C-alpha atoms as a PDB file:
ATOM      1  CA  MET A   1       4.650  57.398  -8.035  1.00  0.00           C
ATOM      2  CA  GLN A   2       3.098  54.217  -9.319  1.00  0.00           C
ATOM      3  CA  TYR A   3       3.272  53.158 -12.954  1.00  0.00           C
ATOM      4  CA  MET A   4       1.671  50.275 -14.804  1.00  0.00           C
ATOM      5  CA  LEU A   5       3.911  48.531 -17.303  1.00  0.00           C
ATOM      6  CA  LEU A   6       1.546  46.967 -19.851  1.00  0.00           C
ATOM      7  CA  ILE A   7       3.154  44.156 -21.834  1.00  0.00           C
ATOM      8  CA  TYR A   8       2.010  43.714 -25.443  1.00  0.00           C
ATOM      9  CA  SER A   9       3.363  41.206 -27.919  1.00  0.00           C
ATOM     10  CA  ASP A  10       2.577  39.644 -31.259  1.00  0.00           C
ATOM     11  CA  PRO A  11       2.162  35.885 -30.696  1.00  0.00           C
ATOM     12  CA  ALA A  12       3.705  35.266 -34.112  1.00  0.00           C
ATOM     13  CA  ARG A  13       6.940  36.910 -32.912  1.00  0.00           C
ATOM     14  CA  GLU A  14       7.107  35.284 -29.453  1.00  0.00           C
ATOM     15  CA  PRO A  15       9.472  32.392 -28.841  1.00  0.00           C
ATOM     16  CA  ALA A  16       7.655  29.048 -29.121  1.00  0.00           C
ATOM     17  CA  TYR A  17       6.918  27.152 -25.913  1.00  0.00           C
ATOM     18  CA  GLY A  18       9.461  24.415 -25.240  1.00  0.00           C
ATOM     19  CA  THR A  19      12.304  26.015 -27.185  1.00  0.00           C
ATOM     20  CA  PRO A  20      15.572  27.305 -25.727  1.00  0.00           C
ATOM     21  CA  GLU A  21      14.474  30.825 -26.748  1.00  0.00           C
ATOM     22  CA  PHE A  22      11.285  30.448 -24.703  1.00  0.00           C
ATOM     23  CA  ASP A  23      13.288  29.245 -21.710  1.00  0.00           C
ATOM     24  CA  GLN A  24      15.626  32.235 -22.107  1.00  0.00           C
ATOM     25  CA  MET A  25      12.651  34.623 -22.233  1.00  0.00           C
ATOM     26  CA  MET A  26      11.136  33.101 -19.091  1.00  0.00           C
ATOM     27  CA  GLY A  27      14.506  33.331 -17.361  1.00  0.00           C
ATOM     28  CA  GLY A  28      14.472  37.025 -18.214  1.00  0.00           C
ATOM     29  CA  TYR A  29      11.050  37.402 -16.624  1.00  0.00           C
ATOM     30  CA  PHE A  30      12.208  35.600 -13.466  1.00  0.00           C
ATOM     31  CA  ALA A  31      15.252  37.902 -13.346  1.00  0.00           C
ATOM     32  CA  VAL A  32      13.239  41.133 -13.710  1.00  0.00           C
ATOM     33  CA  ASN A  33      10.787  39.888 -11.051  1.00  0.00           C
ATOM     34  CA  GLU A  34      13.646  39.260  -8.639  1.00  0.00           C
ATOM     35  CA  GLN A  35      15.276  42.624  -9.451  1.00  0.00           C
ATOM     36  CA  MET A  36      12.044  44.540  -8.818  1.00  0.00           C
ATOM     37  CA  LYS A  37      11.476  42.655  -5.562  1.00  0.00           C
ATOM     38  CA  ALA A  38      15.051  43.271  -4.434  1.00  0.00           C
ATOM     39  CA  ASP A  39      14.704  46.970  -5.277  1.00  0.00           C
ATOM     40  CA  GLY A  40      11.372  47.129  -3.435  1.00  0.00           C
ATOM     41  CA  THR A  41       9.592  48.608  -6.452  1.00  0.00           C
ATOM     42  CA  MET A  42       7.170  45.843  -7.494  1.00  0.00           C
ATOM     43  CA  ARG A  43       3.616  46.314  -6.229  1.00  0.00           C
ATOM     44  CA  GLY A  44       2.033  43.620  -8.372  1.00  0.00           C
ATOM     45  CA  GLY A  45       1.921  41.954 -11.724  1.00  0.00           C
ATOM     46  CA  GLU A  46       0.693  38.900 -13.540  1.00  0.00           C
ATOM     47  CA  ALA A  47       0.507  37.314 -16.951  1.00  0.00           C
ATOM     48  CA  LEU A  48      -2.894  37.167 -18.600  1.00  0.00           C
ATOM     49  CA  LYS A  49      -4.490  34.091 -20.132  1.00  0.00           C
ATOM     50  CA  GLY A  50      -4.803  34.087 -23.927  1.00  0.00           C
ATOM     51  CA  ILE A  51      -7.126  36.407 -25.826  1.00  0.00           C
ATOM     52  CA  GLU A  52      -9.407  33.455 -26.583  1.00  0.00           C
ATOM     53  CA  THR A  53     -10.445  33.577 -22.898  1.00  0.00           C
ATOM     54  CA  ALA A  54     -11.322  37.302 -22.978  1.00  0.00           C
ATOM     55  CA  THR A  55     -14.814  38.772 -22.856  1.00  0.00           C
ATOM     56  CA  SER A  56     -15.406  42.419 -23.723  1.00  0.00           C
ATOM     57  CA  LEU A  57     -18.348  44.397 -22.347  1.00  0.00           C
ATOM     58  CA  ARG A  58     -19.941  47.674 -23.330  1.00  0.00           C
ATOM     59  CA  ILE A  59     -23.251  49.383 -22.691  1.00  0.00           C
ATOM     60  CA  LYS A  60     -25.204  50.744 -25.641  1.00  0.00           C
ATOM     61  CA  SER A  61     -28.558  52.465 -25.197  1.00  0.00           C
ATOM     62  CA  GLY A  62     -28.688  51.177 -21.623  1.00  0.00           C
ATOM     63  CA  ARG A  63     -28.195  47.537 -22.645  1.00  0.00           C
ATOM     64  CA  VAL A  64     -25.174  45.460 -21.711  1.00  0.00           C
ATOM     65  CA  GLU A  65     -23.470  43.807 -24.673  1.00  0.00           C
ATOM     66  CA  THR A  66     -20.745  41.204 -24.325  1.00  0.00           C
ATOM     67  CA  MET A  67     -18.416  39.860 -27.001  1.00  0.00           C
ATOM     68  CA  ASP A  68     -15.907  37.053 -27.024  1.00  0.00           C
ATOM     69  CA  GLY A  69     -12.302  38.162 -27.189  1.00  0.00           C
ATOM     70  CA  PRO A  70     -10.689  41.553 -26.987  1.00  0.00           C
ATOM     71  CA  PHE A  71     -12.411  44.410 -28.772  1.00  0.00           C
ATOM     72  CA  ALA A  72      -9.342  45.951 -30.379  1.00  0.00           C
ATOM     73  CA  GLU A  73      -8.122  44.468 -33.654  1.00  0.00           C
ATOM     74  CA  THR A  74      -4.354  44.449 -33.402  1.00  0.00           C
ATOM     75  CA  ARG A  75      -1.419  42.125 -33.918  1.00  0.00           C
ATOM     76  CA  GLU A  76      -0.077  42.803 -30.459  1.00  0.00           C
ATOM     77  CA  HIS A  77      -2.063  41.452 -27.529  1.00  0.00           C
ATOM     78  CA  LEU A  78      -1.989  42.539 -23.909  1.00  0.00           C
ATOM     79  CA  GLY A  79      -0.239  39.648 -22.204  1.00  0.00           C
ATOM     80  CA  GLY A  80       0.441  40.909 -18.701  1.00  0.00           C
ATOM     81  CA  TYR A  81       1.448  43.811 -16.533  1.00  0.00           C
ATOM     82  CA  TYR A  82       3.551  45.026 -13.651  1.00  0.00           C
ATOM     83  CA  ILE A  83       2.765  47.778 -11.195  1.00  0.00           C
ATOM     84  CA  VAL A  84       5.887  49.505  -9.913  1.00  0.00           C
ATOM     85  CA  ASP A  85       6.345  52.248  -7.339  1.00  0.00           C
ATOM     86  CA  VAL A  86       9.278  54.398  -8.441  1.00  0.00           C
ATOM     87  CA  PRO A  87      10.343  58.036  -8.125  1.00  0.00           C
ATOM     88  CA  ASP A  88       9.722  59.063 -11.737  1.00  0.00           C
ATOM     89  CA  LEU A  89       9.138  58.094 -15.368  1.00  0.00           C
ATOM     90  CA  ASP A  90      12.849  57.501 -15.994  1.00  0.00           C
ATOM     91  CA  ALA A  91      12.913  54.854 -13.272  1.00  0.00           C
ATOM     92  CA  ALA A  92       9.740  53.241 -14.652  1.00  0.00           C
ATOM     93  CA  LEU A  93      11.314  53.149 -18.117  1.00  0.00           C
ATOM     94  CA  LYS A  94      14.407  51.460 -16.670  1.00  0.00           C
ATOM     95  CA  TYR A  95      12.271  48.575 -15.412  1.00  0.00           C
ATOM     96  CA  ALA A  96      10.194  48.472 -18.597  1.00  0.00           C
ATOM     97  CA  ALA A  97      13.399  47.995 -20.605  1.00  0.00           C
ATOM     98  CA  MET A  98      14.207  44.902 -18.502  1.00  0.00           C
ATOM     99  CA  ILE A  99      11.008  43.120 -19.593  1.00  0.00           C
ATOM    100  CA  PRO A 100      11.929  40.441 -22.148  1.00  0.00           C
ATOM    101  CA  SER A 101       8.885  41.056 -24.366  1.00  0.00           C
ATOM    102  CA  ALA A 102      10.188  44.549 -25.122  1.00  0.00           C
ATOM    103  CA  THR A 103      12.567  42.899 -27.611  1.00  0.00           C
ATOM    104  CA  PHE A 104       9.699  41.587 -29.792  1.00  0.00           C
ATOM    105  CA  GLY A 105       6.691  43.588 -28.585  1.00  0.00           C
ATOM    106  CA  THR A 106       5.845  46.784 -26.764  1.00  0.00           C
ATOM    107  CA  VAL A 107       5.796  47.811 -23.115  1.00  0.00           C
ATOM    108  CA  GLU A 108       3.446  50.724 -22.484  1.00  0.00           C
ATOM    109  CA  VAL A 109       4.340  52.762 -19.392  1.00  0.00           C
ATOM    110  CA  ARG A 110       1.457  54.674 -17.795  1.00  0.00           C
ATOM    111  CA  PRO A 111       1.222  56.503 -14.482  1.00  0.00           C
ATOM    112  CA  LEU A 112      -1.596  55.408 -12.200  1.00  0.00           C
ATOM    113  CA  MET A 113      -4.086  57.972 -10.981  1.00  0.00           C
ATOM    114  CA  ASP A 114      -4.031  58.600  -7.232  1.00  0.00           C
ATOM    115  CA  TYR A 115      -7.575  59.364  -6.109  1.00  0.00           C
ATOM    116  CA  ASN A 116      -6.600  59.081  -2.463  1.00  0.00           C
ATOM    117  CA  PRO A 117      -3.418  61.171  -2.123  1.00  0.00           C
ATOM    118  CA  THR A 118      -3.691  61.562   1.652  1.00  0.00           C
ATOM    119  CA  GLY A 119      -3.700  57.804   2.220  1.00  0.00           C
ATOM    120  CA  THR A 120      -6.980  57.839   4.130  1.00  0.00           C
END
């Protein structure tokens, strides 16, 4: 089963770039990447550029509206994701707990829908 691990964090709580804490966090990300690759569970994942680069879109009354930035007002921002292929939720949670941002943010674990279960 595939799960998406959505990584949210509050920029005010993240380690500052160029500090030893930032380097430690990035080392943690490199380690979880290598662990998932070694275990054969990682199917994809990337960091996202900052929310200032986001554009939100919605359609109202048949008209497309776009807005700068994310639509949701929240302290925590979606900063990246992993897609893992694991046997069950417990295994997905094991990998989610390895993500460094879980110590100062949130990792949302969601199963992916399989609209093509036969593989054709």
